[in-house]
Amino acid sequence: MKKISRILLACIMSVLMATSAMGASLLDEIVSRGELRVGMTGDYKPFTYREGDEWSGIDVDMAKSLAKSLDVKLVIVPTTWKKITDEAVEGKYDIAMGGVSVKLSRQKVGLFSDPYFVTGKTPITRDENVDRFQTLKQIDQPDVTVIVNPGGTNEQFARANLKKAKIIVYDDNVTIFDKIVDGTADLMMTDSVETLLQQKLRPELEAVHPEAPFNRFEKAYLMPRDFVWKAYVDQWLHISDLTGEYQAIKDSWLK
């Protein structure tokens, strides 16, 4: 085990040295620029939400913390779930935050921070339908209409698991839950943390077994391939966890 650890450490040091040899890192550029550019969709409570020019959420507060640690100004760059990976890789912003799911397809082209949140896909539906939609088999029926937001993991999960149910795509992730309330759709399958928040905001809806989602996955921050910048973000995350800052921010939105 010690031998493996030494080999791993040597590999990491080799990568960091190679990055340094190529020139200044994105970390240096951010500090020199005096701005941290953060890509966010602004449509995914409790992680990020935009109302006019105002942004709020767990990751908005975390972005403020990251910018403060660098002693730079925070600049939020609006994006969409369809574009968030490409724009991060292209350098439109320095880091993508706001409930970004860890996926190998994203890891192929960018770098994720250490994960900071674990969740999973589960249904949210009207109160009277909770018993009806406990399993994927119950949901995947011809008389069931499932609503999804385009381009993200919600749509991917629905299309991978539903072959009989009707899937409708709705562009506005902020008002999408109202379409379940008004009967346009029977349910939506999304991250369990989001279902818990939405049932508070909309009393007509109820999260279906959010404590036991259909799958489990992690949330992390997505960056371009710059290992020095990633190392800084990981250390900042680690310190925010040790000091209790992250827990306090999370609790302020979920409790």
Protein backbone atom coordinates (compact mmCIF):
# COMPACT_ATOMS: atom_id res chain seq x y z
CA MET A 1 0.00 0.00 0.00
CA LYS A 2 2.84 2.40 0.87
CA LYS A 3 4.51 1.59 -2.44
CA ILE A 4 1.29 2.38 -4.32
CA SER A 5 0.95 5.66 -2.40
CA ARG A 6 4.51 6.65 -3.32
CA ILE A 7 3.86 5.83 -6.98
CA LEU A 8 0.63 7.87 -6.93
CA LEU A 9 2.38 10.81 -5.27
CA ALA A 10 5.15 10.65 -7.85
CA CYS A 11 2.58 10.71 -10.66
CA ILE A 12 0.82 13.73 -9.17
CA MET A 13 4.10 15.59 -8.72
CA SER A 14 5.06 14.76 -12.28
CA VAL A 15 1.79 16.21 -13.59
CA LEU A 16 2.17 19.36 -11.49
CA MET A 17 5.74 19.85 -12.67
CA ALA A 18 4.67 19.38 -16.29
CA THR A 19 1.90 21.94 -15.82
CA SER A 20 4.34 24.43 -14.32
CA ALA A 21 6.74 23.87 -17.19
CA MET A 22 4.06 24.84 -19.68
CA GLY A 23 3.75 28.29 -18.12
CA ALA A 24 1.54 30.16 -15.68
CA SER A 25 -1.53 28.33 -14.46
CA LEU A 26 -5.13 29.51 -14.53
CA LEU A 27 -4.73 30.23 -10.82
CA ASP A 28 -2.07 32.86 -11.62
CA GLU A 29 -4.26 34.31 -14.36
CA ILE A 30 -7.27 34.66 -12.02
CA VAL A 31 -5.22 36.45 -9.38
CA SER A 32 -3.63 38.72 -11.98
CA ARG A 33 -6.99 39.46 -13.59
CA GLY A 34 -8.56 40.26 -10.22
CA GLU A 35 -11.73 38.38 -11.15
CA LEU A 36 -13.05 34.86 -10.67
CA ARG A 37 -15.44 33.95 -13.50
CA VAL A 38 -17.99 31.35 -12.42
CA GLY A 39 -20.40 29.70 -14.85
CA MET A 40 -23.89 29.02 -13.47
CA THR A 41 -27.29 28.16 -14.92
CA GLY A 42 -29.29 30.00 -12.27
CA ASP A 43 -32.17 27.53 -12.52
CA TYR A 44 -31.33 24.81 -10.03
CA LYS A 45 -32.44 25.41 -6.47
CA PRO A 46 -30.99 25.03 -3.86
CA PHE A 47 -27.59 25.25 -5.61
CA THR A 48 -28.11 28.27 -7.84
CA TYR A 49 -31.05 30.51 -8.66
CA ARG A 50 -31.25 33.73 -10.63
CA GLU A 51 -34.01 36.29 -10.29
CA GLY A 52 -33.29 39.34 -12.39
CA ASP A 53 -29.76 40.40 -11.50
CA GLU A 54 -29.84 38.63 -8.14
CA TRP A 55 -28.20 35.22 -7.66
CA SER A 56 -28.70 32.97 -4.66
CA GLY A 57 -28.08 29.39 -3.52
CA ILE A 58 -25.56 27.08 -1.90
CA ASP A 59 -23.05 27.39 -4.72
CA VAL A 60 -23.50 31.14 -5.05
CA ASP A 61 -22.41 31.42 -1.43
CA MET A 62 -19.57 28.96 -2.07
CA ALA A 63 -18.48 30.96 -5.12
CA LYS A 64 -18.32 34.08 -2.95
CA SER A 65 -16.16 32.14 -0.49
CA LEU A 66 -13.82 30.96 -3.25
CA ALA A 67 -13.44 34.49 -4.64
CA LYS A 68 -12.77 35.85 -1.15
CA SER A 69 -10.07 33.22 -0.59
CA LEU A 70 -8.36 34.49 -3.76
CA ASP A 71 -8.93 38.15 -2.85
CA VAL A 72 -10.61 38.77 -6.21
CA LYS A 73 -13.99 39.94 -7.47
CA LEU A 74 -16.69 37.35 -8.22
CA VAL A 75 -18.20 37.50 -11.72
CA ILE A 76 -21.06 35.08 -12.43
CA VAL A 77 -21.38 34.11 -16.10
CA PRO A 78 -24.85 32.83 -17.05
CA THR A 79 -24.90 29.54 -18.95
CA THR A 80 -27.20 26.59 -19.70
CA TRP A 81 -27.00 22.86 -19.02
CA LYS A 82 -26.49 22.24 -22.74
CA LYS A 83 -23.46 24.53 -22.86
CA ILE A 84 -21.98 24.30 -19.38
CA THR A 85 -19.32 21.67 -20.15
CA ASP A 86 -18.20 23.06 -23.51
CA GLU A 87 -17.99 26.61 -22.19
CA ALA A 88 -15.97 25.51 -19.15
CA VAL A 89 -13.50 23.67 -21.36
CA GLU A 90 -13.31 26.59 -23.80
CA GLY A 91 -12.42 28.94 -20.93
CA LYS A 92 -15.51 31.14 -21.01
CA TYR A 93 -15.32 30.90 -17.23
CA ASP A 94 -12.77 29.58 -14.76
CA ILE A 95 -15.06 27.13 -13.00
CA ALA A 96 -18.62 25.82 -13.40
CA MET A 97 -20.64 25.68 -10.19
CA GLY A 98 -24.27 25.18 -9.30
CA GLY A 99 -25.02 21.49 -8.75
CA VAL A 100 -22.93 20.07 -11.61
CA SER A 101 -23.12 16.26 -11.63
CA VAL A 102 -19.93 14.25 -11.92
CA LYS A 103 -19.98 12.41 -15.25
CA LEU A 104 -17.23 10.61 -17.12
CA SER A 105 -18.19 12.44 -20.32
CA ARG A 106 -17.38 15.71 -18.57
CA GLN A 107 -14.23 14.31 -16.99
CA LYS A 108 -13.00 13.34 -20.47
CA VAL A 109 -12.64 16.98 -21.42
CA GLY A 110 -12.27 18.82 -18.11
CA LEU A 111 -11.40 18.34 -14.45
CA PHE A 112 -13.69 17.94 -11.46
CA SER A 113 -12.95 19.15 -7.98
CA ASP A 114 -13.28 16.78 -5.07
CA PRO A 115 -17.00 15.99 -4.67
CA TYR A 116 -18.92 18.00 -2.09
CA PHE A 117 -22.47 16.60 -2.30
CA VAL A 118 -24.04 13.15 -2.82
CA THR A 119 -27.56 12.81 -4.19
CA GLY A 120 -29.59 10.65 -6.62
CA LYS A 121 -32.56 10.67 -8.97
CA THR A 122 -36.00 10.28 -7.41
CA PRO A 123 -39.54 11.29 -8.46
CA ILE A 124 -41.55 14.28 -7.38
CA THR A 125 -45.27 14.19 -8.08
CA ARG A 126 -48.63 15.42 -6.78
CA ASP A 127 -49.52 14.21 -3.30
CA GLU A 128 -52.20 11.81 -4.49
CA ASN A 129 -49.80 9.99 -6.84
CA VAL A 130 -46.98 9.12 -4.43
CA ASP A 131 -47.98 5.45 -4.04
CA ARG A 132 -48.46 5.16 -7.80
CA PHE A 133 -44.86 6.11 -8.67
CA GLN A 134 -42.64 4.20 -6.25
CA THR A 135 -40.66 2.23 -8.83
CA LEU A 136 -39.31 2.73 -12.34
CA LYS A 137 -41.59 -0.06 -13.52
CA GLN A 138 -44.62 1.83 -12.20
CA ILE A 139 -43.43 5.01 -13.88
CA ASP A 140 -42.61 3.40 -17.24
CA GLN A 141 -46.21 2.96 -18.39
CA PRO A 142 -47.91 4.30 -21.56
CA ASP A 143 -50.38 6.39 -19.54
CA VAL A 144 -47.65 8.21 -17.59
CA THR A 145 -46.20 11.56 -18.68
CA VAL A 146 -42.75 12.48 -17.39
CA ILE A 147 -41.37 16.00 -17.77
CA VAL A 148 -37.64 16.74 -18.15
CA ASN A 149 -35.43 19.77 -18.59
CA PRO A 150 -33.23 19.52 -21.70
CA GLY A 151 -29.57 18.60 -21.88
CA GLY A 152 -28.82 17.54 -18.32
CA THR A 153 -28.71 14.37 -16.26
CA ASN A 154 -32.47 14.43 -15.63
CA GLU A 155 -33.25 13.96 -19.32
CA GLN A 156 -30.49 11.37 -19.70
CA PHE A 157 -31.78 9.33 -16.76
CA ALA A 158 -35.37 9.44 -18.02
CA ARG A 159 -34.48 8.36 -21.56
CA ALA A 160 -32.20 5.59 -20.32
CA ASN A 161 -34.85 4.10 -18.04
CA LEU A 162 -38.20 4.84 -19.66
CA LYS A 163 -39.27 3.12 -22.88
CA LYS A 164 -43.07 3.22 -22.61
CA ALA A 165 -43.85 6.42 -20.71
CA LYS A 166 -44.31 9.69 -22.56
CA ILE A 167 -41.39 12.12 -22.06
CA ILE A 168 -41.95 15.82 -22.65
CA VAL A 169 -39.14 18.39 -22.67
CA TYR A 170 -39.66 21.74 -20.99
CA ASP A 171 -37.04 24.48 -21.28
CA ASP A 172 -37.61 26.45 -18.09
CA ASN A 173 -36.17 24.62 -15.10
CA VAL A 174 -37.57 27.25 -12.72
CA THR A 175 -41.26 26.78 -13.60
CA ILE A 176 -41.04 23.13 -14.65
CA PHE A 177 -42.49 21.94 -11.32
CA ASP A 178 -45.62 24.02 -11.90
CA LYS A 179 -46.33 21.74 -14.87
CA ILE A 180 -46.70 18.84 -12.44
CA VAL A 181 -48.98 20.89 -10.22
CA ASP A 182 -51.27 21.85 -13.14
CA GLY A 183 -51.39 18.30 -14.53
CA THR A 184 -49.39 18.83 -17.71
CA ALA A 185 -47.08 16.06 -16.47
CA ASP A 186 -47.47 13.36 -13.85
CA LEU A 187 -43.98 13.62 -12.40
CA MET A 188 -40.37 14.62 -12.81
CA MET A 189 -37.32 12.61 -11.79
CA THR A 190 -34.58 14.85 -10.48
CA ASP A 191 -31.98 15.05 -7.73
CA SER A 192 -33.40 14.12 -4.33
CA VAL A 193 -32.11 17.35 -2.80
CA GLU A 194 -34.14 19.34 -5.34
CA THR A 195 -37.31 17.35 -4.64
CA LEU A 196 -37.00 18.11 -0.92
CA LEU A 197 -36.76 21.83 -1.63
CA GLN A 198 -39.57 21.86 -4.20
CA GLN A 199 -42.05 20.11 -1.91
CA LYS A 200 -41.48 22.94 0.56
CA LEU A 201 -42.08 25.55 -2.13
CA ARG A 202 -45.11 23.79 -3.64
CA PRO A 203 -47.36 22.11 -1.03
CA GLU A 204 -49.26 20.23 -3.76
CA LEU A 205 -46.13 18.20 -4.54
CA GLU A 206 -44.34 15.48 -2.61
CA ALA A 207 -40.90 13.93 -3.00
CA VAL A 208 -41.03 10.16 -3.51
CA HIS A 209 -38.58 8.27 -1.22
CA PRO A 210 -35.86 10.98 -1.40
CA GLU A 211 -33.94 9.04 1.25
CA ALA A 212 -33.65 6.08 -1.16
CA PRO A 213 -33.15 7.43 -4.71
CA PHE A 214 -32.96 5.20 -7.78
CA ASN A 215 -29.23 5.86 -8.11
CA ARG A 216 -26.46 7.77 -6.38
CA PHE A 217 -23.98 10.27 -7.77
CA GLU A 218 -21.88 13.21 -6.71
CA LYS A 219 -21.81 16.95 -7.27
CA ALA A 220 -18.51 18.72 -7.88
CA TYR A 221 -17.07 21.82 -9.56
CA LEU A 222 -15.99 21.57 -13.20
CA MET A 223 -12.84 23.27 -14.49
CA PRO A 224 -10.59 23.36 -17.55
CA ARG A 225 -7.60 20.99 -17.51
CA ASP A 226 -5.35 22.92 -15.17
CA PHE A 227 -4.04 20.79 -12.30
CA VAL A 228 -2.63 23.71 -10.32
CA TRP A 229 -6.03 25.43 -10.34
CA LYS A 230 -7.79 22.19 -9.41
CA ALA A 231 -5.37 21.65 -6.51
CA TYR A 232 -6.22 25.11 -5.17
CA VAL A 233 -9.97 24.52 -5.44
CA ASP A 234 -9.66 21.14 -3.71
CA GLN A 235 -7.68 22.66 -0.85
CA TRP A 236 -10.18 25.49 -0.47
CA LEU A 237 -13.01 22.92 -0.34
CA HIS A 238 -11.12 20.90 2.24
CA ILE A 239 -10.58 23.94 4.45
CA SER A 240 -14.22 25.06 4.12
CA ASP A 241 -15.25 21.59 5.28
CA LEU A 242 -12.79 21.57 8.21
CA THR A 243 -13.88 25.00 9.44
CA GLY A 244 -17.58 24.22 9.13
CA GLU A 245 -18.14 26.98 6.57
CA TYR A 246 -19.57 24.63 3.94
CA GLN A 247 -21.88 22.89 6.43
CA ALA A 248 -23.20 26.23 7.64
CA ILE A 249 -23.89 27.36 4.06
CA LYS A 250 -25.62 24.08 3.19
CA ASP A 251 -27.74 24.14 6.36
CA SER A 252 -28.84 27.70 5.67
CA TRP A 253 -30.52 26.51 2.47
CA LEU A 254 -31.75 23.04 3.40
CA LYS A 255 -32.79 23.31 7.05
